C-alpha atoms as a PDB file:
ATOM      1  CA  MET A   1       7.503 -15.962  -1.528  1.00  0.00           C
ATOM      2  CA  LEU A   2       4.551 -13.588  -1.923  1.00  0.00           C
ATOM      3  CA  GLU A   3       6.418 -11.741  -4.660  1.00  0.00           C
ATOM      4  CA  GLU A   4       6.574 -14.973  -6.674  1.00  0.00           C
ATOM      5  CA  GLN A   5       3.018 -16.083  -5.913  1.00  0.00           C
ATOM      6  CA  TYR A   6       1.327 -12.782  -6.626  1.00  0.00           C
ATOM      7  CA  PRO A   7       2.009 -12.643 -10.396  1.00  0.00           C
ATOM      8  CA  GLN A   8       0.826 -16.254 -10.686  1.00  0.00           C
ATOM      9  CA  ALA A   9      -2.410 -15.386  -8.883  1.00  0.00           C
ATOM     10  CA  LEU A  10      -2.857 -12.310 -11.061  1.00  0.00           C
ATOM     11  CA  GLU A  11      -2.283 -14.305 -14.224  1.00  0.00           C
ATOM     12  CA  GLY A  12      -4.804 -16.884 -12.996  1.00  0.00           C
ATOM     13  CA  GLU A  13      -7.484 -14.287 -12.237  1.00  0.00           C
ATOM     14  CA  ILE A  14      -7.114 -12.710 -15.677  1.00  0.00           C
ATOM     15  CA  GLY A  15      -7.111 -16.079 -17.422  1.00  0.00           C
ATOM     16  CA  ALA A  16     -10.289 -17.197 -15.633  1.00  0.00           C
ATOM     17  CA  HIS A  17     -12.263 -14.071 -16.493  1.00  0.00           C
ATOM     18  CA  HIS A  18     -15.103 -14.421 -18.992  1.00  0.00           C
ATOM     19  CA  TRP A  19     -14.625 -11.539 -21.400  1.00  0.00           C
ATOM     20  CA  ALA A  20     -17.911 -10.198 -22.777  1.00  0.00           C
ATOM     21  CA  TRP A  21     -15.895  -7.637 -24.738  1.00  0.00           C
ATOM     22  CA  THR A  22     -12.308  -7.231 -25.900  1.00  0.00           C
ATOM     23  CA  PRO A  23     -10.300  -4.628 -23.965  1.00  0.00           C
ATOM     24  CA  GLU A  24      -8.823  -1.718 -25.904  1.00  0.00           C
ATOM     25  CA  THR A  25      -6.682  -0.392 -23.081  1.00  0.00           C
ATOM     26  CA  VAL A  26      -4.589  -1.783 -20.232  1.00  0.00           C
ATOM     27  CA  TYR A  27      -3.328   0.008 -17.122  1.00  0.00           C
ATOM     28  CA  LEU A  28      -0.801  -1.421 -14.641  1.00  0.00           C
ATOM     29  CA  GLY A  29      -0.801   0.631 -11.453  1.00  0.00           C
ATOM     30  CA  GLY A  30      -0.556   0.391  -7.701  1.00  0.00           C
ATOM     31  CA  GLY A  31       2.612  -0.696  -5.947  1.00  0.00           C
ATOM     32  CA  THR A  32       5.647  -0.795  -8.212  1.00  0.00           C
ATOM     33  CA  PRO A  33       4.742  -2.673 -11.414  1.00  0.00           C
ATOM     34  CA  SER A  34       7.876  -1.240 -13.037  1.00  0.00           C
ATOM     35  CA  GLN A  35       9.985  -3.419 -10.700  1.00  0.00           C
ATOM     36  CA  MET A  36       8.079  -6.598 -11.466  1.00  0.00           C
ATOM     37  CA  ASP A  37      10.042  -9.545 -12.830  1.00  0.00           C
ATOM     38  CA  LEU A  38      10.087  -9.063 -16.602  1.00  0.00           C
ATOM     39  CA  ALA A  39       9.141 -12.646 -17.493  1.00  0.00           C
ATOM     40  CA  ALA A  40       6.273 -12.613 -14.971  1.00  0.00           C
ATOM     41  CA  LEU A  41       5.053  -9.284 -16.323  1.00  0.00           C
ATOM     42  CA  ALA A  42       5.123 -10.606 -19.876  1.00  0.00           C
ATOM     43  CA  ARG A  43       3.008 -13.618 -18.823  1.00  0.00           C
ATOM     44  CA  VAL A  44       0.474 -11.416 -17.038  1.00  0.00           C
ATOM     45  CA  LEU A  45       0.068  -9.152 -20.057  1.00  0.00           C
ATOM     46  CA  ALA A  46      -0.120 -12.136 -22.401  1.00  0.00           C
ATOM     47  CA  ALA A  47      -3.214 -13.288 -20.473  1.00  0.00           C
ATOM     48  CA  VAL A  48      -5.083 -10.099 -21.465  1.00  0.00           C
ATOM     49  CA  PRO A  49      -6.871 -10.388 -24.833  1.00  0.00           C
ATOM     50  CA  GLY A  50      -6.783  -7.693 -27.497  1.00  0.00           C
ATOM     51  CA  LYS A  51      -3.043  -7.165 -27.979  1.00  0.00           C
ATOM     52  CA  PRO A  52      -1.881  -4.884 -29.533  1.00  0.00           C
ATOM     53  CA  TRP A  53      -4.044  -2.621 -27.466  1.00  0.00           C
ATOM     54  CA  ARG A  54      -4.944   0.938 -28.344  1.00  0.00           C
ATOM     55  CA  GLU A  55      -3.057   1.989 -25.210  1.00  0.00           C
ATOM     56  CA  ALA A  56      -1.203   0.120 -22.454  1.00  0.00           C
ATOM     57  CA  THR A  57       0.117   2.172 -19.545  1.00  0.00           C
ATOM     58  CA  MET A  58       2.483   1.242 -16.741  1.00  0.00           C
ATOM     59  CA  GLU A  59       3.110   3.305 -13.611  1.00  0.00           C
ATOM     60  CA  ALA A  60       6.804   3.639 -12.786  1.00  0.00           C
ATOM     61  CA  ALA A  61       8.829   5.215 -10.011  1.00  0.00           C
ATOM     62  CA  PRO A  62      11.648   7.420 -11.332  1.00  0.00           C
ATOM     63  CA  GLY A  63      14.948   5.613 -10.918  1.00  0.00           C
ATOM     64  CA  THR A  64      13.536   2.205 -11.913  1.00  0.00           C
ATOM     65  CA  VAL A  65      13.696   2.619 -15.694  1.00  0.00           C
ATOM     66  CA  SER A  66      16.526   0.928 -17.615  1.00  0.00           C
ATOM     67  CA  ILE A  67      16.878   0.302 -21.333  1.00  0.00           C
ATOM     68  CA  GLU A  68      16.557  -3.453 -20.735  1.00  0.00           C
ATOM     69  CA  ARG A  69      13.341  -3.016 -18.794  1.00  0.00           C
ATOM     70  CA  ALA A  70      11.888  -0.447 -21.172  1.00  0.00           C
ATOM     71  CA  ARG A  71      12.530  -2.672 -24.199  1.00  0.00           C
ATOM     72  CA  SER A  72      10.963  -5.643 -22.452  1.00  0.00           C
ATOM     73  CA  TRP A  73       7.918  -3.557 -21.479  1.00  0.00           C
ATOM     74  CA  ARG A  74       7.509  -2.471 -25.098  1.00  0.00           C
ATOM     75  CA  GLU A  75       7.785  -6.059 -26.332  1.00  0.00           C
ATOM     76  CA  SER A  76       5.108  -7.058 -23.808  1.00  0.00           C
ATOM     77  CA  GLY A  77       2.756  -4.408 -25.222  1.00  0.00           C
ATOM     78  CA  ILE A  78       3.354  -1.327 -23.044  1.00  0.00           C
ATOM     79  CA  THR A  79       2.943   1.870 -25.079  1.00  0.00           C
ATOM     80  CA  ARG A  80       2.807   4.501 -22.320  1.00  0.00           C
ATOM     81  CA  VAL A  81       4.561   5.078 -18.973  1.00  0.00           C
ATOM     82  CA  SER A  82       3.353   7.246 -16.092  1.00  0.00           C
ATOM     83  CA  LEU A  83       6.246   8.511 -13.948  1.00  0.00           C
ATOM     84  CA  GLY A  84       5.464   9.425 -10.333  1.00  0.00           C
ATOM     85  CA  VAL A  85       7.890  12.342 -10.251  1.00  0.00           C
ATOM     86  CA  GLN A  86       5.980  14.497  -7.693  1.00  0.00           C
ATOM     87  CA  SER A  87       8.627  17.243  -7.834  1.00  0.00           C
ATOM     88  CA  PHE A  88      11.790  18.245  -9.695  1.00  0.00           C
ATOM     89  CA  VAL A  89      13.178  20.153  -6.686  1.00  0.00           C
ATOM     90  CA  GLN A  90      15.742  18.140  -4.737  1.00  0.00           C
ATOM     91  CA  LYS A  91      14.735  19.299  -1.250  1.00  0.00           C
ATOM     92  CA  GLU A  92      11.112  18.409  -1.929  1.00  0.00           C
ATOM     93  CA  ILE A  93      12.016  15.064  -3.491  1.00  0.00           C
ATOM     94  CA  ALA A  94      14.119  14.135  -0.450  1.00  0.00           C
ATOM     95  CA  ARG A  95      11.252  14.891   1.931  1.00  0.00           C
ATOM     96  CA  THR A  96       8.941  12.529   0.027  1.00  0.00           C
ATOM     97  CA  GLY A  97      11.446   9.699   0.533  1.00  0.00           C
ATOM     98  CA  ARG A  98      12.103   9.364  -3.188  1.00  0.00           C
ATOM     99  CA  LYS A  99      15.624   8.896  -4.530  1.00  0.00           C
ATOM    100  CA  HIS A 100      15.460  10.412  -8.004  1.00  0.00           C
ATOM    101  CA  THR A 101      16.784  13.704  -9.326  1.00  0.00           C
ATOM    102  CA  ALA A 102      15.570  15.893 -12.164  1.00  0.00           C
ATOM    103  CA  ALA A 103      18.501  14.634 -14.239  1.00  0.00           C
ATOM    104  CA  ILE A 104      17.423  11.007 -13.680  1.00  0.00           C
ATOM    105  CA  VAL A 105      13.917  11.811 -14.918  1.00  0.00           C
ATOM    106  CA  GLU A 106      15.330  13.549 -17.986  1.00  0.00           C
ATOM    107  CA  ASN A 107      17.542  10.534 -18.748  1.00  0.00           C
ATOM    108  CA  GLU A 108      14.694   8.059 -18.262  1.00  0.00           C
ATOM    109  CA  LEU A 109      12.482   9.914 -20.731  1.00  0.00           C
ATOM    110  CA  ALA A 110      15.275   9.492 -23.293  1.00  0.00           C
ATOM    111  CA  VAL A 111      15.596   5.791 -22.395  1.00  0.00           C
ATOM    112  CA  LEU A 112      11.853   5.234 -22.851  1.00  0.00           C
ATOM    113  CA  ALA A 113      11.882   7.015 -26.207  1.00  0.00           C
ATOM    114  CA  ALA A 114      14.844   4.898 -27.357  1.00  0.00           C
ATOM    115  CA  ALA A 115      12.868   1.772 -26.417  1.00  0.00           C
ATOM    116  CA  GLY A 116       9.899   2.914 -28.497  1.00  0.00           C
ATOM    117  CA  ILE A 117       7.745   4.308 -25.658  1.00  0.00           C
ATOM    118  CA  ALA A 118       7.189   7.943 -26.580  1.00  0.00           C
ATOM    119  CA  GLU A 119       3.969   8.544 -24.634  1.00  0.00           C
ATOM    120  CA  VAL A 120       4.873   9.581 -21.081  1.00  0.00           C
ATOM    121  CA  ASN A 121       2.886  11.114 -18.241  1.00  0.00           C
ATOM    122  CA  ILE A 122       4.591  13.039 -15.440  1.00  0.00           C
ATOM    123  CA  ASP A 123       2.867  13.374 -12.054  1.00  0.00           C
ATOM    124  CA  LEU A 124       3.416  16.505  -9.953  1.00  0.00           C
ATOM    125  CA  ILE A 125       1.989  17.275  -6.502  1.00  0.00           C
ATOM    126  CA  ALA A 126       0.992  20.799  -5.498  1.00  0.00           C
ATOM    127  CA  GLY A 127       1.310  21.233  -1.747  1.00  0.00           C
ATOM    128  CA  LEU A 128       4.382  19.237  -0.752  1.00  0.00           C
ATOM    129  CA  ALA A 129       6.090  20.143   2.515  1.00  0.00           C
ATOM    130  CA  GLY A 130       8.322  23.171   2.021  1.00  0.00           C
ATOM    131  CA  GLN A 131       6.965  23.951  -1.431  1.00  0.00           C
ATOM    132  CA  THR A 132       7.131  27.627  -2.400  1.00  0.00           C
ATOM    133  CA  GLU A 133       6.074  29.713  -5.378  1.00  0.00           C
ATOM    134  CA  ASP A 134       9.657  29.589  -6.684  1.00  0.00           C
ATOM    135  CA  SER A 135      10.080  25.830  -6.232  1.00  0.00           C
ATOM    136  CA  TRP A 136       6.705  25.148  -7.877  1.00  0.00           C
ATOM    137  CA  ARG A 137       7.752  27.269 -10.853  1.00  0.00           C
ATOM    138  CA  GLU A 138      11.000  25.313 -11.027  1.00  0.00           C
ATOM    139  CA  SER A 139       9.054  22.056 -11.413  1.00  0.00           C
ATOM    140  CA  LEU A 140       6.843  23.633 -14.090  1.00  0.00           C
ATOM    141  CA  ALA A 141       9.968  24.875 -15.888  1.00  0.00           C
ATOM    142  CA  TRP A 142      11.198  21.264 -16.029  1.00  0.00           C
ATOM    143  CA  ILE A 143       7.911  20.242 -17.619  1.00  0.00           C
ATOM    144  CA  GLU A 144       8.476  22.895 -20.278  1.00  0.00           C
ATOM    145  CA  ARG A 145      12.020  21.648 -20.809  1.00  0.00           C
ATOM    146  CA  LEU A 146      11.118  17.939 -21.056  1.00  0.00           C
ATOM    147  CA  GLN A 147       7.889  18.422 -23.041  1.00  0.00           C
ATOM    148  CA  PRO A 148       5.999  15.264 -21.999  1.00  0.00           C
ATOM    149  CA  SER A 149       2.780  14.504 -23.853  1.00  0.00           C
ATOM    150  CA  HIS A 150       0.755  14.302 -20.638  1.00  0.00           C
ATOM    151  CA  VAL A 151       0.956  15.809 -17.135  1.00  0.00           C
ATOM    152  CA  SER A 152      -1.069  15.082 -13.987  1.00  0.00           C
ATOM    153  CA  ILE A 153      -1.281  17.713 -11.244  1.00  0.00           C
ATOM    154  CA  TYR A 154      -2.597  16.538  -7.890  1.00  0.00           C
ATOM    155  CA  MET A 155      -3.392  18.961  -5.092  1.00  0.00           C
ATOM    156  CA  LEU A 156      -2.155  17.470  -1.816  1.00  0.00           C
ATOM    157  CA  GLU A 157      -4.971  15.937   0.191  1.00  0.00           C
ATOM    158  CA  ILE A 158      -4.164  15.014   3.787  1.00  0.00           C
ATOM    159  CA  ASP A 159      -5.773  11.914   5.232  1.00  0.00           C
ATOM    160  CA  GLU A 160      -6.787  12.856   8.777  1.00  0.00           C
ATOM    161  CA  ASP A 161      -6.133   9.271   9.885  1.00  0.00           C
ATOM    162  CA  SER A 162      -2.532   9.325   8.649  1.00  0.00           C
ATOM    163  CA  ARG A 163       0.455  10.309  10.767  1.00  0.00           C
ATOM    164  CA  LEU A 164       0.881  13.493   8.736  1.00  0.00           C
ATOM    165  CA  GLY A 165      -2.818  14.259   9.056  1.00  0.00           C
ATOM    166  CA  GLN A 166      -2.715  13.886  12.842  1.00  0.00           C
ATOM    167  CA  GLU A 167       0.301  16.162  13.051  1.00  0.00           C
ATOM    168  CA  VAL A 168      -1.444  18.830  10.964  1.00  0.00           C
ATOM    169  CA  LEU A 169      -4.591  18.634  13.104  1.00  0.00           C
ATOM    170  CA  LEU A 170      -2.564  18.916  16.309  1.00  0.00           C
ATOM    171  CA  ASN A 171      -0.223  21.617  14.957  1.00  0.00           C
ATOM    172  CA  GLY A 172       2.598  19.140  15.394  1.00  0.00           C
ATOM    173  CA  LYS A 173       6.101  19.354  13.968  1.00  0.00           C
ATOM    174  CA  ARG A 174       6.761  15.845  12.636  1.00  0.00           C
ATOM    175  CA  TYR A 175       6.528  14.587   9.039  1.00  0.00           C
ATOM    176  CA  GLY A 176       6.891  18.109   7.637  1.00  0.00           C
ATOM    177  CA  ALA A 177       3.456  19.135   8.977  1.00  0.00           C
ATOM    178  CA  PRO A 178       4.373  22.789   9.754  1.00  0.00           C
ATOM    179  CA  ASP A 179       5.702  23.240   6.217  1.00  0.00           C
ATOM    180  CA  ILE A 180       2.585  22.103   4.336  1.00  0.00           C
ATOM    181  CA  PRO A 181       1.349  25.097   2.283  1.00  0.00           C
ATOM    182  CA  SER A 182      -2.085  26.502   3.081  1.00  0.00           C
ATOM    183  CA  ASP A 183      -5.100  25.443   1.025  1.00  0.00           C
ATOM    184  CA  GLU A 184      -5.101  28.894  -0.573  1.00  0.00           C
ATOM    185  CA  ARG A 185      -1.470  28.572  -1.683  1.00  0.00           C
ATOM    186  CA  ILE A 186      -2.052  25.051  -3.000  1.00  0.00           C
ATOM    187  CA  ALA A 187      -4.994  26.334  -5.043  1.00  0.00           C
ATOM    188  CA  ALA A 188      -2.797  29.159  -6.358  1.00  0.00           C
ATOM    189  CA  PHE A 189      -0.094  26.620  -7.368  1.00  0.00           C
ATOM    190  CA  TYR A 190      -2.723  24.597  -9.217  1.00  0.00           C
ATOM    191  CA  GLU A 191      -4.155  27.611 -11.043  1.00  0.00           C
ATOM    192  CA  GLU A 192      -0.675  28.701 -12.101  1.00  0.00           C
ATOM    193  CA  ALA A 193      -0.045  25.198 -13.467  1.00  0.00           C
ATOM    194  CA  VAL A 194      -3.307  25.323 -15.462  1.00  0.00           C
ATOM    195  CA  GLU A 195      -2.188  28.572 -17.087  1.00  0.00           C
ATOM    196  CA  ARG A 196       1.425  27.519 -17.683  1.00  0.00           C
ATOM    197  CA  LEU A 197       0.569  24.090 -19.060  1.00  0.00           C
ATOM    198  CA  ALA A 198      -2.012  25.542 -21.451  1.00  0.00           C
ATOM    199  CA  ALA A 199       0.685  27.878 -22.781  1.00  0.00           C
ATOM    200  CA  MET A 200       2.896  24.801 -23.337  1.00  0.00           C
ATOM    201  CA  GLY A 201       0.182  23.152 -25.449  1.00  0.00           C
ATOM    202  CA  LEU A 202      -1.060  20.955 -22.603  1.00  0.00           C
ATOM    203  CA  PRO A 203      -4.659  22.065 -21.940  1.00  0.00           C
ATOM    204  CA  ARG A 204      -6.631  20.629 -19.026  1.00  0.00           C
ATOM    205  CA  TYR A 205      -9.075  17.925 -20.100  1.00  0.00           C
ATOM    206  CA  GLU A 206      -9.885  16.632 -16.598  1.00  0.00           C
ATOM    207  CA  ILE A 207      -9.496  18.219 -13.170  1.00  0.00           C
ATOM    208  CA  SER A 208      -6.050  16.694 -12.578  1.00  0.00           C
ATOM    209  CA  ASN A 209      -4.962  15.885 -16.137  1.00  0.00           C
ATOM    210  CA  PHE A 210      -3.430  17.854 -18.984  1.00  0.00           C
ATOM    211  CA  ALA A 211      -2.386  16.631 -22.415  1.00  0.00           C
ATOM    212  CA  ARG A 212      -1.453  17.532 -25.923  1.00  0.00           C
ATOM    213  CA  PRO A 213      -4.533  17.115 -28.132  1.00  0.00           C
ATOM    214  CA  GLY A 214      -4.789  13.417 -29.009  1.00  0.00           C
ATOM    215  CA  CYS A 215      -2.594  12.326 -26.080  1.00  0.00           C
ATOM    216  CA  GLU A 216      -5.286  12.134 -23.403  1.00  0.00           C
ATOM    217  CA  SER A 217      -5.299   8.903 -21.358  1.00  0.00           C
ATOM    218  CA  ALA A 218      -7.683   6.660 -23.297  1.00  0.00           C
ATOM    219  CA  HIS A 219      -7.887   4.267 -20.355  1.00  0.00           C
ATOM    220  CA  ASN A 220      -8.763   6.852 -17.712  1.00  0.00           C
ATOM    221  CA  LEU A 221     -11.347   8.444 -20.005  1.00  0.00           C
ATOM    222  CA  LYS A 222     -13.259   5.162 -19.726  1.00  0.00           C
ATOM    223  CA  TYR A 223     -13.573   5.703 -15.963  1.00  0.00           C
ATOM    224  CA  TRP A 224     -14.844   9.252 -16.356  1.00  0.00           C
ATOM    225  CA  ARG A 225     -17.299   8.269 -19.093  1.00  0.00           C
ATOM    226  CA  LEU A 226     -18.566   5.265 -17.093  1.00  0.00           C
ATOM    227  CA  GLU A 227     -17.592   2.762 -19.763  1.00  0.00           C
ATOM    228  CA  PRO A 228     -17.104  -0.833 -18.557  1.00  0.00           C
ATOM    229  CA  TYR A 229     -13.717  -1.862 -17.184  1.00  0.00           C
ATOM    230  CA  VAL A 230     -12.355  -4.856 -15.302  1.00  0.00           C
ATOM    231  CA  GLY A 231      -9.711  -4.688 -12.578  1.00  0.00           C
ATOM    232  CA  PHE A 232      -7.482  -7.542 -11.460  1.00  0.00           C
ATOM    233  CA  GLY A 233      -5.278  -7.911  -8.407  1.00  0.00           C
ATOM    234  CA  THR A 234      -5.251  -6.493  -4.888  1.00  0.00           C
ATOM    235  CA  ASP A 235      -7.845  -3.754  -4.249  1.00  0.00           C
ATOM    236  CA  ALA A 236      -8.820  -3.779  -7.943  1.00  0.00           C
ATOM    237  CA  HIS A 237     -12.153  -2.218  -8.885  1.00  0.00           C
ATOM    238  CA  SER A 238     -14.431  -3.152 -11.785  1.00  0.00           C
ATOM    239  CA  LEU A 239     -17.553  -1.782 -13.449  1.00  0.00           C
ATOM    240  CA  GLU A 240     -19.471  -4.291 -15.567  1.00  0.00           C
ATOM    241  CA  ASN A 241     -23.143  -4.868 -16.322  1.00  0.00           C
ATOM    242  CA  GLY A 242     -24.247  -2.133 -13.936  1.00  0.00           C
ATOM    243  CA  VAL A 243     -22.320  -3.614 -10.995  1.00  0.00           C
ATOM    244  CA  ARG A 244     -19.235  -2.310  -9.190  1.00  0.00           C
ATOM    245  CA  ARG A 245     -16.875  -4.906  -7.706  1.00  0.00           C
ATOM    246  CA  GLN A 246     -13.881  -4.577  -5.412  1.00  0.00           C
ATOM    247  CA  ASN A 247     -11.189  -7.134  -4.645  1.00  0.00           C
ATOM    248  CA  THR A 248      -9.641  -7.633  -1.230  1.00  0.00           C
ATOM    249  CA  ASP A 249      -7.063  -4.968  -0.405  1.00  0.00           C
ATOM    250  CA  ASP A 250      -4.728  -7.457   1.302  1.00  0.00           C
ATOM    251  CA  ALA A 251      -2.121  -8.988  -1.010  1.00  0.00           C
ATOM    252  CA  ALA A 252      -1.640 -12.143   1.091  1.00  0.00           C
ATOM    253  CA  GLU A 253      -5.385 -12.709   1.294  1.00  0.00           C
ATOM    254  CA  TYR A 254      -5.683 -12.115  -2.445  1.00  0.00           C
ATOM    255  CA  VAL A 255      -3.104 -14.829  -3.176  1.00  0.00           C
ATOM    256  CA  ALA A 256      -4.664 -17.214  -0.633  1.00  0.00           C
ATOM    257  CA  ARG A 257      -8.120 -16.795  -2.134  1.00  0.00           C
ATOM    258  CA  MET A 258      -6.838 -17.453  -5.643  1.00  0.00           C
ATOM    259  CA  GLN A 259      -4.897 -20.527  -4.484  1.00  0.00           C
ATOM    260  CA  ARG A 260      -8.072 -21.900  -2.871  1.00  0.00           C
ATOM    261  CA  GLY A 261     -10.030 -21.316  -6.064  1.00  0.00           C
ATOM    262  CA  GLU A 262     -12.132 -18.579  -4.443  1.00  0.00           C
ATOM    263  CA  SER A 263     -13.084 -15.210  -5.882  1.00  0.00           C
ATOM    264  CA  PRO A 264     -10.916 -12.330  -4.636  1.00  0.00           C
ATOM    265  CA  CYS A 265     -13.991 -10.066  -4.810  1.00  0.00           C
ATOM    266  CA  VAL A 266     -15.116  -8.877  -1.359  1.00  0.00           C
ATOM    267  CA  GLU A 267     -17.792  -6.351  -2.322  1.00  0.00           C
ATOM    268  CA  GLU A 268     -20.407  -5.955  -5.045  1.00  0.00           C
ATOM    269  CA  THR A 269     -22.713  -2.937  -5.262  1.00  0.00           C
ATOM    270  CA  PRO A 270     -25.101  -1.668  -7.916  1.00  0.00           C
ATOM    271  CA  ALA A 271     -23.730   1.211  -9.974  1.00  0.00           C
ATOM    272  CA  HIS A 272     -25.934   4.308  -9.730  1.00  0.00           C
ATOM    273  CA  ALA A 273     -25.611   5.664 -13.247  1.00  0.00           C
ATOM    274  CA  ALA A 274     -27.554   8.890 -12.643  1.00  0.00           C
ATOM    275  CA  ASP A 275     -25.493  10.436  -9.855  1.00  0.00           C
ATOM    276  CA  GLU A 276     -22.241   8.738 -10.912  1.00  0.00           C
ATOM    277  CA  ARG A 277     -22.510  10.335 -14.342  1.00  0.00           C
ATOM    278  CA  PHE A 278     -22.506  13.767 -12.741  1.00  0.00           C
ATOM    279  CA  PHE A 279     -19.886  12.822 -10.155  1.00  0.00           C
ATOM    280  CA  VAL A 280     -17.311  11.570 -12.677  1.00  0.00           C
ATOM    281  CA  GLY A 281     -18.491  13.280 -15.868  1.00  0.00           C
ATOM    282  CA  LEU A 282     -18.220  16.780 -14.452  1.00  0.00           C
ATOM    283  CA  ARG A 283     -14.533  16.096 -13.803  1.00  0.00           C
ATOM    284  CA  LEU A 284     -14.013  16.373 -17.553  1.00  0.00           C
ATOM    285  CA  SER A 285     -13.468  19.789 -19.124  1.00  0.00           C
ATOM    286  CA  GLU A 286     -15.909  18.777 -21.860  1.00  0.00           C
ATOM    287  CA  GLY A 287     -18.595  18.392 -19.192  1.00  0.00           C
ATOM    288  CA  ILE A 288     -21.714  16.281 -19.619  1.00  0.00           C
ATOM    289  CA  ARG A 289     -24.948  16.524 -21.575  1.00  0.00           C
ATOM    290  CA  PRO A 290     -27.752  15.843 -19.072  1.00  0.00           C
ATOM    291  CA  THR A 291     -30.938  14.202 -20.282  1.00  0.00           C
ATOM    292  CA  PRO A 292     -34.249  16.108 -19.953  1.00  0.00           C
ATOM    293  CA  ASP A 293     -35.065  13.971 -16.892  1.00  0.00           C
ATOM    294  CA  GLU A 294     -31.698  14.830 -15.312  1.00  0.00           C
ATOM    295  CA  TRP A 295     -32.204  18.551 -15.919  1.00  0.00           C
ATOM    296  CA  ARG A 296     -35.520  18.283 -14.061  1.00  0.00           C
ATOM    297  CA  GLN A 297     -34.195  16.019 -11.300  1.00  0.00           C
ATOM    298  CA  PHE A 298     -31.228  18.261 -10.478  1.00  0.00           C
ATOM    299  CA  GLU A 299     -32.807  21.586 -11.458  1.00  0.00           C
ATOM    300  CA  ALA A 300     -32.318  23.221  -8.037  1.00  0.00           C
ATOM    301  CA  PRO A 301     -28.594  22.475  -7.495  1.00  0.00           C
ATOM    302  CA  ILE A 302     -27.772  23.166 -11.163  1.00  0.00           C
ATOM    303  CA  HIS A 303     -29.380  26.623 -11.056  1.00  0.00           C
ATOM    304  CA  ARG A 304     -27.800  27.383  -7.684  1.00  0.00           C
ATOM    305  CA  PHE A 305     -24.303  26.453  -8.834  1.00  0.00           C
ATOM    306  CA  ILE A 306     -24.717  28.392 -12.081  1.00  0.00           C
ATOM    307  CA  SER A 307     -25.760  31.473 -10.102  1.00  0.00           C
ATOM    308  CA  GLU A 308     -22.767  30.993  -7.783  1.00  0.00           C
ATOM    309  CA  GLY A 309     -20.388  30.737 -10.739  1.00  0.00           C
ATOM    310  CA  LEU A 310     -19.413  27.115 -10.131  1.00  0.00           C
ATOM    311  CA  LEU A 311     -21.199  25.618 -13.157  1.00  0.00           C
ATOM    312  CA  GLU A 312     -21.866  26.906 -16.648  1.00  0.00           C
ATOM    313  CA  SER A 313     -24.260  25.696 -19.315  1.00  0.00           C
ATOM    314  CA  ALA A 314     -24.104  26.180 -23.079  1.00  0.00           C
ATOM    315  CA  GLY A 315     -25.618  24.231 -25.952  1.00  0.00           C
ATOM    316  CA  GLY A 316     -27.079  21.604 -23.644  1.00  0.00           C
ATOM    317  CA  LEU A 317     -23.701  20.913 -21.990  1.00  0.00           C
ATOM    318  CA  LEU A 318     -23.011  21.368 -18.305  1.00  0.00           C
ATOM    319  CA  ARG A 319     -19.463  21.900 -17.057  1.00  0.00           C
ATOM    320  CA  LEU A 320     -17.487  23.232 -14.116  1.00  0.00           C
ATOM    321  CA  THR A 321     -16.148  26.770 -14.291  1.00  0.00           C
ATOM    322  CA  SER A 322     -12.538  27.471 -13.305  1.00  0.00           C
ATOM    323  CA  ARG A 323     -13.761  28.406  -9.834  1.00  0.00           C
ATOM    324  CA  GLY A 324     -15.983  25.341  -9.782  1.00  0.00           C
ATOM    325  CA  VAL A 325     -12.976  23.110 -10.352  1.00  0.00           C
ATOM    326  CA  LEU A 326     -11.437  24.334  -7.085  1.00  0.00           C
ATOM    327  CA  LEU A 327     -14.708  23.645  -5.246  1.00  0.00           C
ATOM    328  CA  SER A 328     -15.596  20.513  -7.198  1.00  0.00           C
ATOM    329  CA  ASN A 329     -16.168  18.282  -4.151  1.00  0.00           C
ATOM    330  CA  GLU A 330     -18.820  20.688  -2.906  1.00  0.00           C
ATOM    331  CA  VAL A 331     -20.528  20.507  -6.306  1.00  0.00           C
ATOM    332  CA  PHE A 332     -20.301  16.720  -6.630  1.00  0.00           C
ATOM    333  CA  GLN A 333     -21.922  16.088  -3.251  1.00  0.00           C
ATOM    334  CA  GLU A 334     -25.150  17.677  -4.451  1.00  0.00           C
ATOM    335  CA  PHE A 335     -25.535  15.015  -7.133  1.00  0.00           C
ATOM    336  CA  LEU A 336     -25.133  11.980  -4.898  1.00  0.00           C
ATOM    337  CA  ILE A 337     -28.433  10.149  -4.592  1.00  0.00           C
ATOM    338  CA  GLY A 338     -29.454   8.329  -1.432  1.00  0.00           C
END
């Protein structure tokens, strides 16, 4: 029942929004949008103004892509698909609970291209249970073989409140905890990926993202450049008119609120442009260009991080160094105000 009601609620929220600007990009993520009923998906996308958009991305789990679905997505306006591959090594894939194989991913890239969706991102995770130098290189070799236009590399972060996190903290044996690589090895995997992907023509443009020139995610760049965006659906976030909003993170509550004619928004906070610009802007390889006031305001941490080799400055730009990328959270914390 919820599966049928949710798209209707989503369509209603989009349709009721007062658009002060016309969106250029669309991103469907969270959950499994690739398994959404095709007619319902088409109606949801039809409610968004601006079609054809500059870019419209859908997240998809490998093994859910068919030619029928891909063609329908393209007809609905999707131009780009992000595949949550995580690994191309079968033992690692099995331990994540995923069902795909490297061959399935290869076939689905061909299916997407045949349907007219040539822009594809592949997600990989550095730090999976049992991952080794050889297995990591095997996944990178598949990237070289498949030649996607965009790759995302995420270093495994363990939530201490999760079952895996508790096992790691307690030196337990469940959930693959003993086989999680050390932080040092994960960092080494990431640095090897940076080097290998650059050699493939996929330079890093953001801490976790690599792309052929011109194939960067136009939608995600809006987040990192603090441009306005509107989110719809469960746990959606928005940034408009200097205000951040967040919807309820409970799908049933989201539907119930929409059916009662209530806003699904559960939190509104002012956006702090000064510190947020450093926090998100420094994620980009291009860095940021601080204003004279910002140079003065953050003079002490900027000079300290430059002296420690975590930041570099040239021509009025400020950016993370390669070492700074690995310690980026430490850097970002210094620019949080209040």
